[in-house]
Amino acid sequence: MKKKQENKIQGSDASHEQVNQAQDSRRSFIRNTALAAAGFYIVPRHVLGRGFTAPSDKLRIAGVGAGGKGESDLWNFYGSGKADIVSICDVDLRQIKKSQDRYPKAKLYRDYREMLDKEHKNIDAVSVSIPDHMHGVVGMAAMQLNKHVYIQKPLTHDIYEARMLTKAAHNYKVVTQMGNQGASGDGVRQLQEWYNAGKIGDVHTITCFTNRPVWPQGIPWSSNKPPVPAELDWNLWLGTAPYKDYVEKLVPFNWRGWWDYGTGALGDMACHIMAPAFAVLDLGYPVSAECSMARPYVENWTPGNYPESGPIASSITLTFKGKNGKPDVKLTWMDGGILPARPEELGPTELLGDGGDGGAIFEGTKGKMMCGTYGKMPTLLPTALTAQADVKKTIPRVPGAETGHYHQWVEAAIAGYGSEQAKNLSSNFDIAGPLTESVLMGNLAIRSYNIAKTEKTKEGKDRTVYPGRGIKLLWDGPSMRITNFEDANQYVKRTYREGWTLGV
């Protein structure tokens, strides 16, 4: 195994700007004649023989995030047979070993800015699979170097970031995909075909539900302050987030329940469970959001309120304006294991959704249909109608379905921006951006619910009130603003820690 490369960790904003201003990256490595200078020897196909892929036809990928989902993402890209993993970056060296063993020639880094600065001539695309609060800055830095990007769900931590990355994909002419692999599944396409064939009429109500969170939420921040593990660069891990002392069990997974880093149950699963609704109905931006949530009880059965952490369970309703004479659509999200009422058409022992992780129910003017998480197990209701439905396949399937989601992006990146492959991606940012914004609108409603203010009673005493509770937040999508509760707009775009910028 290759000896681990030592890299100087650079965290200054100047380094970041230097990366963002680099202009000599290739827009498409296929068309660039400088491959030989990057260390490749172009071998004609007839010399390699059938079944071999010339180095010039392989996508050179850098992975930011090499453990957990990041590791599996890289493996799926590599499994396409059309990608090489040439650089690996992770702030936690404990997470890097499996990827390091699999790709011993890949150069290793801890700071993505240093990696992009030194390796941008040698890479064509970047995979981003790290905590949510860093998706935007890493993705933008890569796109500004004209690198194709694959970013895990949710696309970003903030609504503003999602809008900016969606625009940047076209500004920098790069091929994009979000990591909600179910969007490439056959189930989503089956639901689309049933709807297009008029099987359930015009959809007016959608209910999505999940068993998440399966990590701690609705709790106070830990008071323990253990030493930072030697393998972890804590300052780099914090990145754009406010500085806090290291606490146990936050890394590598439980960060999801804290707003500084994660996006809660919605961010983790809604891009999977709401994706079929966006594919079927092309929902766009919501026009309003309202929510309720469960609150934990602490000493003496007093309701607890921990605004730094997501709730243990919540229900959010988003309203979307109907298009082309169709009715408005109300989409309700339930998490924490809360289940919707069973459709009357569903038998008493038949599974609701997928019977475990979650699912979605579509109610139309003529009937209903249902699916599980990722759009799997699509069924018409009553379920007997599923076998009777005679609808032709009109929407091309993605070869390999969920696994094909990765291969689809690799092939589109090789074909280049503007290619048919790029236009037909299941979750390019034109699709993933509005979906992510809608998911994050739910989080904006949750966080607005916990905005506390002090007011005087008639007796002159102070009391705490929550003006964001019990109201419907009205959303101006094009302007990215809540129009009837100004305090909620603080959650559209957060303030980064000093030294960090989105670069727009």
Protein backbone atom coordinates (compact mmCIF):
# COMPACT_ATOMS: atom_id res chain seq x y z
CA MET A 1 0.00 0.00 0.00
CA LYS A 2 1.16 3.46 -0.85
CA LYS A 3 2.69 5.34 2.04
CA LYS A 4 0.32 8.00 3.32
CA GLN A 5 1.03 11.39 1.80
CA GLU A 6 1.59 14.21 4.27
CA ASN A 7 -0.09 17.49 3.36
CA LYS A 8 0.13 20.88 4.97
CA ILE A 9 -3.32 21.90 6.18
CA GLN A 10 -4.27 25.31 4.86
CA GLY A 11 -7.40 26.92 6.27
CA SER A 12 -7.01 30.54 5.27
CA ASP A 13 -9.59 32.35 3.18
CA ALA A 14 -6.79 33.49 0.90
CA SER A 15 -6.20 29.85 -0.06
CA HIS A 16 -9.89 29.46 -0.78
CA GLU A 17 -9.94 32.52 -3.00
CA GLN A 18 -6.85 31.30 -4.81
CA VAL A 19 -8.69 28.09 -5.61
CA ASN A 20 -11.81 29.93 -6.74
CA GLN A 21 -9.83 32.19 -9.08
CA ALA A 22 -7.93 29.44 -10.82
CA GLN A 23 -8.76 29.64 -14.50
CA ASP A 24 -6.69 26.95 -16.14
CA SER A 25 -8.95 23.97 -15.40
CA ARG A 26 -10.28 22.16 -18.47
CA ARG A 27 -14.01 22.41 -19.18
CA SER A 28 -14.01 18.98 -20.68
CA PHE A 29 -11.10 16.66 -20.34
CA ILE A 30 -12.16 14.70 -23.41
CA ARG A 31 -11.68 17.68 -25.66
CA ASN A 32 -8.47 18.93 -24.08
CA THR A 33 -5.23 18.03 -25.74
CA ALA A 34 -3.16 18.56 -22.63
CA LEU A 35 -3.84 15.12 -21.18
CA ALA A 36 -0.33 13.99 -21.86
CA ALA A 37 0.99 16.83 -19.75
CA ALA A 38 -1.16 15.53 -16.87
CA GLY A 39 0.70 12.26 -17.00
CA PHE A 40 -1.50 10.16 -19.28
CA TYR A 41 -0.43 8.30 -22.38
CA ILE A 42 -3.29 8.15 -24.89
CA VAL A 43 -3.56 4.64 -26.29
CA PRO A 44 -5.79 4.01 -29.33
CA ARG A 45 -8.78 1.73 -28.67
CA HIS A 46 -7.68 -0.83 -31.25
CA VAL A 47 -4.42 -1.34 -29.35
CA LEU A 48 -6.24 -1.93 -26.05
CA GLY A 49 -8.73 -4.30 -27.60
CA ARG A 50 -12.43 -4.84 -27.01
CA GLY A 51 -13.59 -4.37 -23.42
CA PHE A 52 -10.85 -1.94 -22.44
CA THR A 53 -11.46 1.75 -21.78
CA ALA A 54 -8.77 4.17 -22.86
CA PRO A 55 -7.51 6.50 -20.11
CA SER A 56 -8.72 9.42 -22.21
CA ASP A 57 -12.30 8.12 -21.86
CA LYS A 58 -12.27 7.85 -18.08
CA LEU A 59 -13.56 10.46 -15.69
CA ARG A 60 -10.95 11.45 -13.12
CA ILE A 61 -12.76 11.95 -9.82
CA ALA A 62 -11.66 13.55 -6.56
CA GLY A 63 -13.63 12.49 -3.49
CA VAL A 64 -14.30 14.97 -0.67
CA GLY A 65 -15.44 12.67 2.10
CA ALA A 66 -13.96 9.18 1.98
CA GLY A 67 -15.76 7.29 4.74
CA GLY A 68 -19.31 6.00 5.09
CA LYS A 69 -21.48 7.23 2.23
CA GLY A 70 -18.50 8.95 0.65
CA GLU A 71 -16.68 5.65 0.40
CA SER A 72 -19.67 3.88 -1.15
CA ASP A 73 -20.21 6.74 -3.62
CA LEU A 74 -16.62 6.47 -4.85
CA TRP A 75 -16.95 2.71 -5.17
CA ASN A 76 -20.08 3.08 -7.28
CA PHE A 77 -18.38 5.57 -9.59
CA TYR A 78 -15.42 3.27 -9.94
CA GLY A 79 -17.75 0.35 -10.61
CA SER A 80 -18.96 2.03 -13.78
CA GLY A 81 -15.64 1.04 -15.37
CA LYS A 82 -15.39 4.58 -16.70
CA ALA A 83 -13.96 6.41 -13.71
CA ASP A 84 -10.67 6.63 -11.85
CA ILE A 85 -10.43 7.88 -8.26
CA VAL A 86 -7.36 10.08 -8.39
CA SER A 87 -7.61 12.16 -5.18
CA ILE A 88 -9.19 11.58 -1.77
CA CYS A 89 -9.86 14.23 0.86
CA ASP A 90 -11.16 13.80 4.40
CA VAL A 91 -10.65 15.84 7.56
CA ASP A 92 -10.84 12.64 9.63
CA LEU A 93 -8.11 10.14 8.83
CA ARG A 94 -10.07 7.42 10.61
CA GLN A 95 -12.55 7.51 7.74
CA ILE A 96 -10.08 7.22 4.90
CA LYS A 97 -8.59 3.73 5.22
CA LYS A 98 -11.01 1.72 3.06
CA SER A 99 -10.87 4.19 0.19
CA GLN A 100 -7.11 4.46 0.57
CA ASP A 101 -6.76 0.70 0.26
CA ARG A 102 -9.02 0.57 -2.78
CA TYR A 103 -7.30 3.41 -4.64
CA PRO A 104 -3.64 3.25 -3.56
CA LYS A 105 -2.54 5.65 -6.31
CA ALA A 106 -4.94 8.38 -5.22
CA LYS A 107 -3.34 11.42 -3.61
CA LEU A 108 -4.50 12.11 -0.07
CA TYR A 109 -5.53 15.44 1.45
CA ARG A 110 -7.33 16.75 4.51
CA ASP A 111 -8.27 20.22 3.20
CA TYR A 112 -10.37 20.29 0.02
CA ARG A 113 -9.02 23.76 -0.81
CA GLU A 114 -5.48 22.49 -0.88
CA MET A 115 -6.54 19.51 -2.96
CA LEU A 116 -8.29 21.70 -5.54
CA ASP A 117 -5.38 24.12 -5.60
CA LYS A 118 -2.82 21.40 -6.27
CA GLU A 119 -4.84 18.86 -8.25
CA HIS A 120 -7.31 20.82 -10.36
CA LYS A 121 -5.31 20.10 -13.53
CA ASN A 122 -5.49 16.38 -12.80
CA ILE A 123 -9.20 15.99 -12.01
CA ASP A 124 -12.37 16.30 -14.06
CA ALA A 125 -15.04 15.93 -11.38
CA VAL A 126 -15.59 16.08 -7.64
CA SER A 127 -17.78 13.92 -5.41
CA VAL A 128 -18.96 15.67 -2.22
CA SER A 129 -20.17 13.46 0.62
CA ILE A 130 -19.59 15.29 3.90
CA PRO A 131 -21.76 16.94 6.58
CA ASP A 132 -24.48 19.14 5.11
CA HIS A 133 -23.07 22.46 6.27
CA MET A 134 -20.08 22.08 3.93
CA HIS A 135 -21.88 20.92 0.76
CA GLY A 136 -22.34 24.42 -0.62
CA VAL A 137 -18.82 25.79 -0.26
CA VAL A 138 -17.10 22.63 -1.52
CA GLY A 139 -19.50 22.20 -4.42
CA MET A 140 -19.20 25.83 -5.47
CA ALA A 141 -15.39 25.79 -5.27
CA ALA A 142 -15.31 22.75 -7.55
CA MET A 143 -17.77 24.20 -10.05
CA GLN A 144 -15.83 27.47 -10.22
CA LEU A 145 -12.93 25.38 -11.43
CA ASN A 146 -15.26 23.93 -14.10
CA LYS A 147 -15.38 20.53 -12.42
CA HIS A 148 -18.45 18.35 -12.75
CA VAL A 149 -19.98 17.65 -9.33
CA TYR A 150 -21.93 14.92 -7.59
CA ILE A 151 -23.21 16.15 -4.21
CA GLN A 152 -24.93 13.99 -1.63
CA LYS A 153 -28.44 14.87 -0.49
CA PRO A 154 -29.52 17.32 0.58
CA LEU A 155 -27.82 19.41 -2.06
CA THR A 156 -27.10 22.15 0.48
CA HIS A 157 -27.70 23.22 4.06
CA ASP A 158 -29.47 26.50 3.17
CA ILE A 159 -32.06 27.58 0.61
CA TYR A 160 -29.77 30.35 -0.66
CA GLU A 161 -26.94 27.89 -1.26
CA ALA A 162 -29.25 25.60 -3.26
CA ARG A 163 -30.32 28.48 -5.51
CA MET A 164 -26.73 29.61 -6.05
CA LEU A 165 -25.45 26.11 -6.89
CA THR A 166 -28.31 25.58 -9.34
CA LYS A 167 -27.34 28.78 -11.17
CA ALA A 168 -23.64 27.97 -10.99
CA ALA A 169 -24.13 24.67 -12.82
CA HIS A 170 -25.06 26.66 -15.92
CA ASN A 171 -22.67 29.54 -15.33
CA TYR A 172 -19.70 27.18 -15.24
CA LYS A 173 -21.17 24.65 -17.70
CA VAL A 174 -20.70 21.57 -15.56
CA VAL A 175 -22.62 18.30 -15.27
CA THR A 176 -24.37 17.86 -11.93
CA GLN A 177 -26.19 15.20 -9.95
CA MET A 178 -27.52 15.02 -6.38
CA GLY A 179 -27.07 11.77 -4.46
CA ASN A 180 -30.72 10.76 -4.08
CA GLN A 181 -30.24 7.54 -6.01
CA GLY A 182 -33.88 6.49 -5.80
CA ALA A 183 -34.61 9.21 -8.38
CA SER A 184 -33.11 6.82 -10.94
CA GLY A 185 -35.21 3.88 -9.80
CA ASP A 186 -37.87 2.15 -11.88
CA GLY A 187 -40.51 2.88 -9.23
CA VAL A 188 -40.43 6.64 -9.78
CA ARG A 189 -40.91 6.14 -13.51
CA GLN A 190 -43.80 3.74 -12.95
CA LEU A 191 -45.55 6.34 -10.81
CA GLN A 192 -45.03 8.96 -13.52
CA GLU A 193 -46.50 6.70 -16.18
CA TRP A 194 -49.60 5.91 -14.11
CA TYR A 195 -50.16 9.59 -13.45
CA ASN A 196 -49.58 10.60 -17.09
CA ALA A 197 -52.04 7.92 -18.17
CA GLY A 198 -54.70 9.47 -15.93
CA LYS A 199 -54.99 6.50 -13.58
CA ILE A 200 -55.57 8.66 -10.49
CA GLY A 201 -56.66 11.95 -12.05
CA ASP A 202 -55.28 15.27 -10.81
CA VAL A 203 -53.25 14.95 -7.61
CA HIS A 204 -54.24 17.38 -4.87
CA THR A 205 -52.78 15.76 -1.72
CA ILE A 206 -49.48 13.99 -1.04
CA THR A 207 -48.43 12.56 2.31
CA CYS A 208 -44.78 11.61 2.92
CA PHE A 209 -43.55 9.87 6.06
CA THR A 210 -40.37 8.39 7.55
CA ASN A 211 -39.08 6.61 10.64
CA ARG A 212 -36.16 9.08 10.89
CA PRO A 213 -34.50 10.47 12.94
CA VAL A 214 -32.51 7.46 14.07
CA TRP A 215 -29.94 9.67 15.80
CA PRO A 216 -30.30 11.98 18.83
CA GLN A 217 -32.44 15.11 18.32
CA GLY A 218 -34.39 17.36 20.62
CA ILE A 219 -31.63 17.31 23.22
CA PRO A 220 -29.32 19.90 24.83
CA TRP A 221 -25.74 20.33 23.60
CA SER A 222 -23.33 18.12 25.48
CA SER A 223 -21.30 19.64 28.30
CA ASN A 224 -18.44 17.14 27.98
CA LYS A 225 -15.20 18.44 26.48
CA PRO A 226 -12.94 15.49 25.69
CA PRO A 227 -9.70 15.89 23.77
CA VAL A 228 -9.99 15.99 19.99
CA PRO A 229 -8.90 12.68 18.42
CA ALA A 230 -5.48 13.00 16.82
CA GLU A 231 -6.82 11.81 13.47
CA LEU A 232 -9.49 14.54 13.28
CA ASP A 233 -8.87 18.14 12.22
CA TRP A 234 -11.71 19.64 14.25
CA ASN A 235 -11.30 23.17 12.91
CA LEU A 236 -11.57 21.94 9.32
CA TRP A 237 -14.55 19.76 10.23
CA LEU A 238 -16.37 22.80 11.67
CA GLY A 239 -15.66 24.74 8.49
CA THR A 240 -18.44 27.27 7.93
CA ALA A 241 -20.12 26.55 11.28
CA PRO A 242 -19.61 28.64 14.44
CA TYR A 243 -16.72 27.49 16.59
CA LYS A 244 -17.63 25.10 19.41
CA ASP A 245 -15.50 22.77 21.47
CA TYR A 246 -15.35 19.17 20.33
CA VAL A 247 -17.88 16.81 21.94
CA GLU A 248 -18.10 13.05 21.88
CA LYS A 249 -20.29 11.07 19.46
CA LEU A 250 -20.97 14.00 17.13
CA VAL A 251 -18.61 12.65 14.46
CA PRO A 252 -19.04 10.79 12.16
CA PHE A 253 -22.86 10.50 12.23
CA ASN A 254 -24.78 12.29 14.99
CA TRP A 255 -24.12 15.76 13.57
CA ARG A 256 -27.35 15.30 11.58
CA GLY A 257 -29.49 16.38 14.52
CA TRP A 258 -27.81 19.79 15.00
CA TRP A 259 -28.76 22.78 12.86
CA ASP A 260 -25.20 24.11 12.71
CA TYR A 261 -24.16 21.03 10.73
CA GLY A 262 -27.12 18.93 9.65
CA THR A 263 -30.64 19.28 8.33
CA GLY A 264 -32.44 16.75 10.52
CA ALA A 265 -34.84 14.06 9.41
CA LEU A 266 -36.07 16.21 6.52
CA GLY A 267 -32.60 16.74 5.11
CA ASP A 268 -31.68 13.11 5.51
CA MET A 269 -34.75 11.47 3.96
CA ALA A 270 -37.05 13.97 2.23
CA CYS A 271 -34.84 14.16 -0.86
CA HIS A 272 -35.53 10.43 -1.20
CA ILE A 273 -39.20 10.34 -0.19
CA MET A 274 -40.38 13.62 -1.76
CA ALA A 275 -38.46 13.05 -5.01
CA PRO A 276 -41.24 10.93 -6.58
CA ALA A 277 -43.71 13.79 -6.01
CA PHE A 278 -41.43 16.24 -7.78
CA ALA A 279 -40.88 13.81 -10.65
CA VAL A 280 -44.60 13.12 -11.07
CA LEU A 281 -45.90 16.69 -10.68
CA ASP A 282 -42.94 19.04 -11.32
CA LEU A 283 -43.95 20.94 -8.19
CA GLY A 284 -41.47 23.83 -8.27
CA TYR A 285 -41.33 26.14 -5.24
CA PRO A 286 -43.93 26.00 -2.44
CA VAL A 287 -46.02 29.10 -1.73
CA SER A 288 -46.52 28.41 1.98
CA ALA A 289 -45.31 26.28 4.87
CA GLU A 290 -46.72 25.44 8.29
CA CYS A 291 -45.61 22.98 10.93
CA SER A 292 -46.08 21.37 14.31
CA MET A 293 -43.64 19.32 16.30
CA ALA A 294 -43.19 17.15 19.34
CA ARG A 295 -41.20 18.63 22.20
CA PRO A 296 -39.32 16.58 24.78
CA TYR A 297 -40.13 16.81 28.47
CA VAL A 298 -37.46 17.49 31.05
CA GLU A 299 -37.58 17.88 34.83
CA ASN A 300 -41.02 18.03 36.43
CA TRP A 301 -42.63 17.28 33.06
CA THR A 302 -41.81 20.73 31.78
CA PRO A 303 -41.71 20.99 27.96
CA GLY A 304 -38.12 21.32 26.80
CA ASN A 305 -37.05 23.65 24.04
CA TYR A 306 -33.69 23.09 22.36
CA PRO A 307 -33.61 25.32 19.27
CA GLU A 308 -30.07 24.23 18.33
CA SER A 309 -31.33 20.71 17.65
CA GLY A 310 -34.01 19.30 15.38
CA PRO A 311 -37.25 18.00 16.91
CA ILE A 312 -37.84 14.38 17.87
CA ALA A 313 -40.85 14.37 15.53
CA SER A 314 -42.53 16.91 13.29
CA SER A 315 -45.26 17.45 10.72
CA ILE A 316 -44.89 20.02 7.94
CA THR A 317 -47.39 21.01 5.26
CA LEU A 318 -46.16 22.67 2.07
CA THR A 319 -48.60 24.10 -0.47
CA PHE A 320 -47.71 24.24 -4.17
CA LYS A 321 -49.73 26.20 -6.73
CA GLY A 322 -51.31 24.05 -9.40
CA LYS A 323 -50.02 24.39 -12.95
CA ASN A 324 -51.95 24.46 -16.24
CA GLY A 325 -55.34 24.47 -14.59
CA LYS A 326 -54.48 21.69 -12.13
CA PRO A 327 -55.47 22.02 -8.46
CA ASP A 328 -53.11 23.24 -5.78
CA VAL A 329 -51.14 20.46 -4.12
CA LYS A 330 -50.77 20.06 -0.37
CA LEU A 331 -47.75 17.97 0.57
CA THR A 332 -47.55 16.89 4.20
CA TRP A 333 -44.35 15.50 5.70
CA MET A 334 -44.30 13.40 8.88
CA ASP A 335 -41.17 12.17 10.66
CA GLY A 336 -40.21 10.59 13.95
CA GLY A 337 -42.26 7.51 13.15
CA ILE A 338 -45.57 9.37 12.90
CA LEU A 339 -47.78 7.63 10.34
CA PRO A 340 -50.63 9.05 8.28
CA ALA A 341 -54.11 7.53 8.38
CA ARG A 342 -54.26 4.38 6.29
CA PRO A 343 -56.01 4.91 2.96
CA GLU A 344 -59.45 3.26 2.99
CA GLU A 345 -58.44 1.35 -0.13
CA LEU A 346 -55.55 -0.35 1.67
CA GLY A 347 -56.29 -3.71 3.27
CA PRO A 348 -55.79 -4.07 7.04
CA THR A 349 -52.71 -6.29 6.68
CA GLU A 350 -51.22 -4.64 3.60
CA LEU A 351 -48.10 -2.56 4.12
CA LEU A 352 -48.35 1.20 4.44
CA GLY A 353 -45.50 2.53 2.31
CA ASP A 354 -42.64 0.07 2.60
CA GLY A 355 -43.71 -1.02 6.07
CA GLY A 356 -40.60 0.30 7.78
CA ASP A 357 -38.56 3.27 6.56
CA GLY A 358 -41.47 5.26 5.16
CA GLY A 359 -43.22 6.12 1.92
CA ALA A 360 -45.59 8.46 0.08
CA ILE A 361 -49.31 8.45 -0.73
CA PHE A 362 -50.71 10.35 -3.73
CA GLU A 363 -54.40 11.29 -3.68
CA GLY A 364 -55.98 12.30 -6.96
CA THR A 365 -59.43 13.21 -8.23
CA LYS A 366 -59.93 9.67 -9.59
CA GLY A 367 -57.86 7.47 -7.30
CA LYS A 368 -54.72 6.95 -5.26
CA MET A 369 -51.25 5.48 -5.58
CA MET A 370 -48.51 4.77 -3.06
CA CYS A 371 -44.81 3.94 -2.86
CA GLY A 372 -42.12 3.22 -0.32
CA THR A 373 -38.91 5.11 0.38
CA TYR A 374 -36.88 5.88 -2.77
CA GLY A 375 -40.06 5.40 -4.82
CA LYS A 376 -39.82 1.65 -4.44
CA MET A 377 -42.82 -0.71 -4.31
CA PRO A 378 -45.13 1.51 -6.39
CA THR A 379 -48.76 0.43 -6.22
CA LEU A 380 -52.17 1.68 -7.21
CA LEU A 381 -54.89 1.61 -4.58
CA PRO A 382 -56.65 -0.73 -4.08
CA THR A 383 -53.54 -2.81 -4.68
CA ALA A 384 -55.44 -5.19 -6.98
CA LEU A 385 -55.52 -2.39 -9.57
CA THR A 386 -51.74 -2.56 -9.92
CA ALA A 387 -51.75 -5.87 -11.75
CA GLN A 388 -54.70 -4.74 -13.88
CA ALA A 389 -53.11 -1.48 -15.01
CA ASP A 390 -52.23 -1.65 -18.68
CA VAL A 391 -49.89 1.29 -19.15
CA LYS A 392 -47.06 1.25 -21.66
CA LYS A 393 -43.56 2.23 -20.66
CA THR A 394 -43.06 5.72 -22.02
CA ILE A 395 -40.23 6.90 -19.78
CA PRO A 396 -36.78 5.38 -20.38
CA ARG A 397 -35.40 3.42 -17.42
CA VAL A 398 -31.93 4.05 -16.06
CA PRO A 399 -29.86 0.89 -16.55
CA GLY A 400 -28.98 -0.39 -13.10
CA ALA A 401 -31.65 1.83 -11.47
CA GLU A 402 -30.26 3.10 -8.12
CA THR A 403 -26.71 1.96 -8.92
CA GLY A 404 -27.16 3.40 -12.38
CA HIS A 405 -27.67 6.80 -10.76
CA TYR A 406 -23.89 6.94 -10.27
CA HIS A 407 -23.00 5.50 -13.66
CA GLN A 408 -25.46 7.87 -15.33
CA TRP A 409 -23.57 10.86 -13.96
CA VAL A 410 -20.16 9.48 -14.91
CA GLU A 411 -21.26 8.95 -18.51
CA ALA A 412 -22.93 12.37 -18.67
CA ALA A 413 -19.80 14.07 -17.35
CA ILE A 414 -17.72 12.31 -20.01
CA ALA A 415 -20.22 13.43 -22.68
CA GLY A 416 -20.08 16.98 -21.32
CA TYR A 417 -22.35 19.87 -20.42
CA GLY A 418 -25.26 20.28 -22.81
CA SER A 419 -25.16 16.65 -23.95
CA GLU A 420 -28.33 14.55 -24.06
CA GLN A 421 -26.90 12.42 -21.25
CA ALA A 422 -26.52 15.50 -19.05
CA LYS A 423 -30.02 16.76 -19.85
CA ASN A 424 -31.53 13.39 -18.98
CA LEU A 425 -29.90 12.99 -15.57
CA SER A 426 -32.38 11.95 -12.89
CA SER A 427 -31.36 14.60 -10.37
CA ASN A 428 -29.29 17.29 -12.03
CA PHE A 429 -29.40 20.57 -10.15
CA ASP A 430 -32.33 21.91 -12.21
CA ILE A 431 -34.29 19.10 -10.54
CA ALA A 432 -32.39 18.77 -7.27
CA GLY A 433 -32.28 22.52 -6.57
CA PRO A 434 -36.05 23.15 -6.27
CA LEU A 435 -36.49 19.81 -4.47
CA THR A 436 -33.82 20.75 -1.93
CA GLU A 437 -35.26 24.24 -1.48
CA SER A 438 -38.66 22.74 -0.68
CA VAL A 439 -37.11 20.31 1.81
CA LEU A 440 -35.26 23.17 3.48
CA MET A 441 -38.44 25.25 3.55
CA GLY A 442 -39.77 22.63 5.96
CA ASN A 443 -36.73 23.18 8.16
CA LEU A 444 -37.23 26.94 7.98
CA ALA A 445 -40.76 26.40 9.32
CA ILE A 446 -39.45 24.18 12.13
CA ARG A 447 -36.80 26.67 13.16
CA SER A 448 -39.25 29.58 12.96
CA TYR A 449 -41.51 27.65 15.35
CA ASN A 450 -38.84 27.99 18.03
CA ILE A 451 -38.13 31.72 17.67
CA ALA A 452 -38.67 33.14 21.15
CA LYS A 453 -39.43 36.75 22.10
CA THR A 454 -40.14 38.51 25.38
CA GLU A 455 -43.19 40.71 25.83
CA LYS A 456 -44.85 42.45 28.74
CA THR A 457 -48.11 41.24 30.25
CA LYS A 458 -50.82 43.67 31.36
CA GLU A 459 -49.37 43.34 34.83
CA GLY A 460 -45.97 44.48 33.57
CA LYS A 461 -44.32 41.06 33.87
CA ASP A 462 -42.12 39.49 31.23
CA ARG A 463 -43.37 36.45 29.38
CA THR A 464 -41.92 34.40 26.53
CA VAL A 465 -43.94 34.14 23.33
CA TYR A 466 -43.35 32.24 20.08
CA PRO A 467 -44.78 34.32 17.21
CA GLY A 468 -43.83 31.69 14.60
CA ARG A 469 -46.18 29.08 16.05
CA GLY A 470 -49.66 28.49 14.76
CA ILE A 471 -49.21 30.57 11.61
CA LYS A 472 -48.79 29.83 7.92
CA LEU A 473 -45.52 31.15 6.50
CA LEU A 474 -46.01 32.70 3.06
CA TRP A 475 -43.10 32.14 0.67
CA ASP A 476 -42.05 34.23 -2.31
CA GLY A 477 -40.01 31.60 -4.15
CA PRO A 478 -38.39 33.77 -6.83
CA SER A 479 -37.24 36.29 -4.21
CA MET A 480 -36.44 33.67 -1.55
CA ARG A 481 -38.34 35.50 1.19
CA ILE A 482 -41.00 34.84 3.80
CA THR A 483 -43.37 37.76 3.33
CA ASN A 484 -45.37 37.64 6.59
CA PHE A 485 -42.82 36.84 9.31
CA GLU A 486 -39.53 38.64 8.83
CA ASP A 487 -37.67 36.79 11.58
CA ALA A 488 -37.99 33.57 9.59
CA ASN A 489 -35.77 34.92 6.81
CA GLN A 490 -32.66 34.47 8.95
CA TYR A 491 -32.86 30.78 8.00
CA VAL A 492 -32.80 31.36 4.24
CA LYS A 493 -29.10 32.20 4.30
CA ARG A 494 -26.85 31.65 7.30
CA THR A 495 -23.73 33.60 8.20
CA TYR A 496 -20.53 31.61 7.75
CA ARG A 497 -17.74 31.60 10.26
CA GLU A 498 -15.08 34.21 9.52
CA GLY A 499 -12.71 33.06 6.79
CA TRP A 500 -15.32 31.10 4.85
CA THR A 501 -17.32 32.21 1.81
CA LEU A 502 -19.52 30.75 -0.89
CA GLY A 503 -17.56 32.80 -3.41
CA VAL A 504 -20.53 34.42 -5.18
